[in-house]
Amino acid sequence: MPLSAFENFLHNLNIHPVLKNITKSKLTHLDLSIHNSELRSVNVSSSKDLETYIFNHIKKNNAKAAFGGYLEHRGIYKRSDYFNEQNPEAERNIHLGLDLWLEANTAIFSPLNGEIHSFNNNINHGDYGPTLILKHHTEAYEFFTLYGHLSLESIEHIKVGEKVKQGQQIATLGTAEVNGDYPPHLHFQVIKDIKSYNGDYPGVSNQLDLEFYKTNCPDPNLLLGLI
């Protein structure tokens, strides 16, 4: 399927990596979808058990971090009432961002110039935990990038409207105790139109709303260029 104008725009931007000193050769793909048979033997409701599985996967593949997840249909959200509805079509289980799985306290860097749009500690079980959203303005588009599952320290001393330079450290990753009860990772998401959201934006969709979110939240890898 051909890329939209906005997707082509993202693909052609020159960015700074969100992770420092981790090249493509040190990344491995991670499948957390319902189609991964290995997960049947993992207690995915336990952040510790899931962390063991993920970091063993990273080690087995001689990598420093794992990535993946865009539009994955995942079963891990069943552990939290925050995502579930009685109607299966309304249950949110399709991931809209790209996850980068690596150690807590890892530094995260801004891929582009921008400013702090908003931030919040989203404390629902299975939610983002500390979250930062940047606004990026170019001649062609104004759009947003979301960084979820951060440390509390990442959002303690920042201010809305504060300018951010490309390549500037903007955050560190949080532990399961603060990041929504997940193994340490960054949820990175591109948002074309954020509407009235502040410090939060849906990172998981249901089937009913998926076509809208696929347009408003295109594949983050178009920007990051990990594969």
Protein backbone atom coordinates (compact mmCIF):
# COMPACT_ATOMS: atom_id res chain seq x y z
CA MET A 1 0.00 0.00 0.00
CA PRO A 2 1.51 3.40 -0.96
CA LEU A 3 2.52 5.77 1.83
CA SER A 4 0.43 8.84 2.55
CA ALA A 5 1.93 12.33 2.26
CA PHE A 6 2.41 12.48 6.04
CA GLU A 7 4.04 9.04 6.12
CA ASN A 8 6.44 10.06 3.33
CA PHE A 9 7.22 13.24 5.26
CA LEU A 10 8.14 11.21 8.38
CA HIS A 11 10.21 8.78 6.37
CA ASN A 12 12.33 11.59 4.90
CA LEU A 13 13.11 13.47 8.11
CA ASN A 14 16.68 13.44 9.44
CA ILE A 15 16.47 12.47 13.09
CA HIS A 16 18.67 11.90 16.10
CA PRO A 17 18.33 8.36 17.52
CA VAL A 18 16.12 8.12 20.61
CA LEU A 19 18.69 5.69 22.04
CA LYS A 20 22.38 6.54 22.16
CA ASN A 21 25.11 4.06 21.21
CA ILE A 22 22.69 1.30 20.22
CA THR A 23 23.01 0.65 16.51
CA LYS A 24 20.59 -1.32 14.35
CA SER A 25 22.89 -4.34 14.58
CA LYS A 26 22.36 -4.41 18.36
CA LEU A 27 18.56 -4.46 18.11
CA THR A 28 16.42 -7.57 17.83
CA HIS A 29 12.76 -7.81 16.93
CA LEU A 30 10.35 -8.93 19.66
CA ASP A 31 6.92 -10.43 18.97
CA LEU A 32 4.42 -9.99 21.82
CA SER A 33 1.39 -10.75 19.68
CA ILE A 34 -1.18 -13.45 20.32
CA HIS A 35 0.47 -15.40 17.50
CA ASN A 36 3.74 -15.96 19.42
CA SER A 37 3.39 -19.52 20.75
CA GLU A 38 6.32 -19.01 23.17
CA LEU A 39 4.16 -16.67 25.26
CA ARG A 40 1.79 -19.51 26.12
CA SER A 41 4.33 -20.70 28.68
CA VAL A 42 4.92 -17.20 30.12
CA ASN A 43 2.79 -15.64 32.85
CA VAL A 44 2.35 -12.33 31.00
CA SER A 45 0.30 -10.90 33.87
CA SER A 46 3.56 -10.83 35.89
CA SER A 47 5.91 -8.02 34.93
CA LYS A 48 8.80 -10.02 36.41
CA ASP A 49 8.06 -13.13 34.36
CA LEU A 50 7.56 -11.09 31.20
CA GLU A 51 10.80 -9.20 31.89
CA THR A 52 12.67 -12.50 32.24
CA TYR A 53 11.29 -13.67 28.89
CA ILE A 54 12.13 -10.40 27.11
CA PHE A 55 15.65 -10.02 28.44
CA ASN A 56 16.42 -13.69 27.75
CA HIS A 57 15.26 -13.04 24.18
CA ILE A 58 17.59 -10.04 23.93
CA LYS A 59 20.53 -12.05 25.31
CA LYS A 60 19.83 -15.05 23.06
CA ASN A 61 19.98 -12.78 20.02
CA ASN A 62 23.21 -11.09 21.14
CA ALA A 63 21.44 -7.74 21.23
CA LYS A 64 21.30 -4.78 23.59
CA ALA A 65 17.60 -4.00 23.15
CA ALA A 66 14.45 -5.35 21.53
CA PHE A 67 11.89 -3.48 19.48
CA GLY A 68 8.51 -4.03 17.86
CA GLY A 69 4.83 -3.89 18.49
CA TYR A 70 3.20 -1.58 15.98
CA LEU A 71 -0.35 -2.85 15.28
CA GLU A 72 0.35 -6.05 17.22
CA HIS A 73 -2.76 -7.79 18.51
CA ARG A 74 -1.65 -8.52 22.08
CA GLY A 75 -3.02 -10.65 24.86
CA ILE A 76 -1.02 -8.99 27.63
CA TYR A 77 -3.67 -6.31 28.17
CA LYS A 78 -6.19 -8.84 29.48
CA ARG A 79 -4.52 -8.54 32.88
CA SER A 80 -5.92 -5.02 33.32
CA ASP A 81 -9.53 -3.83 33.47
CA TYR A 82 -8.31 -0.56 31.96
CA PHE A 83 -8.32 -2.09 28.47
CA ASN A 84 -11.20 -4.53 28.59
CA GLU A 85 -14.82 -4.26 27.56
CA GLN A 86 -17.61 -6.82 27.60
CA ASN A 87 -18.00 -6.39 23.85
CA PRO A 88 -14.95 -8.10 22.21
CA GLU A 89 -14.93 -5.52 19.41
CA ALA A 90 -14.57 -2.73 21.97
CA GLU A 91 -11.74 -4.42 23.86
CA ARG A 92 -8.50 -2.48 23.34
CA ASN A 93 -5.74 -4.90 22.39
CA ILE A 94 -4.03 -3.54 19.25
CA HIS A 95 -0.81 -1.66 20.01
CA LEU A 96 -0.37 1.73 18.30
CA GLY A 97 3.20 2.57 19.20
CA LEU A 98 6.63 1.05 18.82
CA ASP A 99 8.22 -0.40 21.95
CA LEU A 100 11.93 -0.38 22.75
CA TRP A 101 12.72 -2.86 25.52
CA LEU A 102 15.89 -2.27 27.54
CA GLU A 103 17.14 -1.53 31.04
CA ALA A 104 15.50 0.94 33.42
CA ASN A 105 17.21 4.33 33.72
CA THR A 106 18.29 4.23 30.06
CA ALA A 107 18.49 7.77 28.66
CA ILE A 108 15.99 8.81 25.95
CA PHE A 109 16.80 11.56 23.43
CA SER A 110 14.59 13.80 21.32
CA PRO A 111 14.67 12.81 17.64
CA LEU A 112 13.78 16.33 16.50
CA ASN A 113 13.56 19.93 17.62
CA GLY A 114 10.31 20.64 19.42
CA GLU A 115 8.71 21.77 22.64
CA ILE A 116 7.03 20.13 25.60
CA HIS A 117 3.35 19.86 24.75
CA SER A 118 2.28 18.11 27.97
CA PHE A 119 3.18 15.47 30.53
CA ASN A 120 1.41 13.37 33.15
CA ASN A 121 1.77 10.36 35.42
CA ASN A 122 -0.91 7.98 34.09
CA ILE A 123 -1.28 5.61 37.01
CA ASN A 124 -3.94 3.11 35.87
CA HIS A 125 -2.73 -0.49 36.03
CA GLY A 126 -1.23 -1.24 32.63
CA ASP A 127 -1.16 2.45 31.64
CA TYR A 128 1.88 4.51 30.59
CA GLY A 129 2.98 5.70 34.00
CA PRO A 130 5.05 8.89 33.58
CA THR A 131 4.48 10.20 30.06
CA LEU A 132 5.91 13.04 27.99
CA ILE A 133 4.50 14.46 24.74
CA LEU A 134 6.55 16.69 22.43
CA LYS A 135 5.15 19.00 19.74
CA HIS A 136 7.11 19.36 16.51
CA HIS A 137 6.41 22.17 14.06
CA THR A 138 7.75 22.18 10.50
CA GLU A 139 6.80 24.03 7.34
CA ALA A 140 4.84 20.99 6.20
CA TYR A 141 3.24 19.62 9.37
CA GLU A 142 2.72 20.10 13.07
CA PHE A 143 2.71 16.73 14.81
CA PHE A 144 3.47 15.08 18.15
CA THR A 145 5.62 12.31 19.60
CA LEU A 146 4.71 10.46 22.79
CA TYR A 147 7.15 8.83 25.22
CA GLY A 148 5.56 6.46 27.73
CA HIS A 149 6.78 4.32 30.68
CA LEU A 150 9.34 6.87 31.88
CA SER A 151 10.83 7.46 35.32
CA LEU A 152 9.12 9.87 37.68
CA GLU A 153 12.27 12.00 37.62
CA SER A 154 11.71 12.55 33.89
CA ILE A 155 8.64 14.71 34.48
CA GLU A 156 9.47 16.35 37.84
CA HIS A 157 11.12 19.55 36.64
CA ILE A 158 9.85 20.17 33.11
CA LYS A 159 7.42 22.84 31.95
CA VAL A 160 4.85 23.00 29.17
CA GLY A 161 6.20 25.09 26.30
CA GLU A 162 9.83 24.44 27.17
CA LYS A 163 11.96 24.16 24.01
CA VAL A 164 13.70 20.88 23.24
CA LYS A 165 16.62 20.54 20.85
CA GLN A 166 17.22 17.62 18.54
CA GLY A 167 19.49 15.14 20.33
CA GLN A 168 18.74 16.55 23.79
CA GLN A 169 18.13 14.03 26.58
CA ILE A 170 14.48 14.29 27.54
CA ALA A 171 13.87 11.34 29.86
CA THR A 172 14.98 8.07 31.39
CA LEU A 173 13.07 4.79 31.49
CA GLY A 174 11.14 3.79 34.58
CA THR A 175 10.86 0.52 36.49
CA ALA A 176 7.76 -1.65 36.77
CA GLU A 177 6.92 0.05 40.07
CA VAL A 178 6.17 3.35 38.32
CA ASN A 179 5.70 2.57 34.61
CA GLY A 180 2.30 0.86 34.68
CA ASP A 181 3.70 -2.51 35.85
CA TYR A 182 5.64 -3.46 32.73
CA PRO A 183 9.22 -4.55 32.13
CA PRO A 184 11.30 -1.42 31.42
CA HIS A 185 10.69 -0.07 27.93
CA LEU A 186 9.89 3.02 25.92
CA HIS A 187 6.52 3.31 24.20
CA PHE A 188 7.15 5.67 21.28
CA GLN A 189 4.19 6.90 19.24
CA VAL A 190 3.66 9.42 16.47
CA ILE A 191 0.41 11.42 16.61
CA LYS A 192 -0.74 13.60 13.74
CA ASP A 193 -3.66 15.33 15.49
CA ILE A 194 -3.71 15.15 19.29
CA LYS A 195 -7.08 16.92 19.73
CA SER A 196 -7.53 17.97 23.37
CA TYR A 197 -5.38 15.27 24.99
CA ASN A 198 -2.77 16.35 27.52
CA GLY A 199 -0.08 14.08 28.90
CA ASP A 200 -1.91 11.09 27.50
CA TYR A 201 -3.18 9.63 24.24
CA PRO A 202 -4.55 6.14 23.45
CA GLY A 203 -1.68 3.76 22.82
CA VAL A 204 -3.89 0.71 22.31
CA SER A 205 -6.92 0.51 20.02
CA ASN A 206 -9.90 -1.73 19.56
CA GLN A 207 -11.03 -3.11 16.21
CA LEU A 208 -13.80 -0.52 15.87
CA ASP A 209 -11.44 2.49 15.92
CA LEU A 210 -8.40 0.94 14.28
CA GLU A 211 -8.70 2.54 10.84
CA PHE A 212 -8.77 6.03 12.38
CA TYR A 213 -5.73 5.35 14.56
CA LYS A 214 -3.76 3.80 11.69
CA THR A 215 -4.10 7.15 9.90
CA ASN A 216 -3.58 9.40 12.92
CA CYS A 217 -0.77 7.30 14.42
CA PRO A 218 1.32 5.94 11.53
CA ASP A 219 4.11 3.42 11.98
CA PRO A 220 6.75 5.07 14.23
CA ASN A 221 9.44 3.14 12.40
CA LEU A 222 8.92 5.47 9.42
CA LEU A 223 10.50 8.12 11.64
CA LEU A 224 12.97 6.00 13.65
CA GLY A 225 14.17 3.84 10.75
CA LEU A 226 15.04 0.80 12.87
CA ILE A 227 14.43 -1.64 10.01
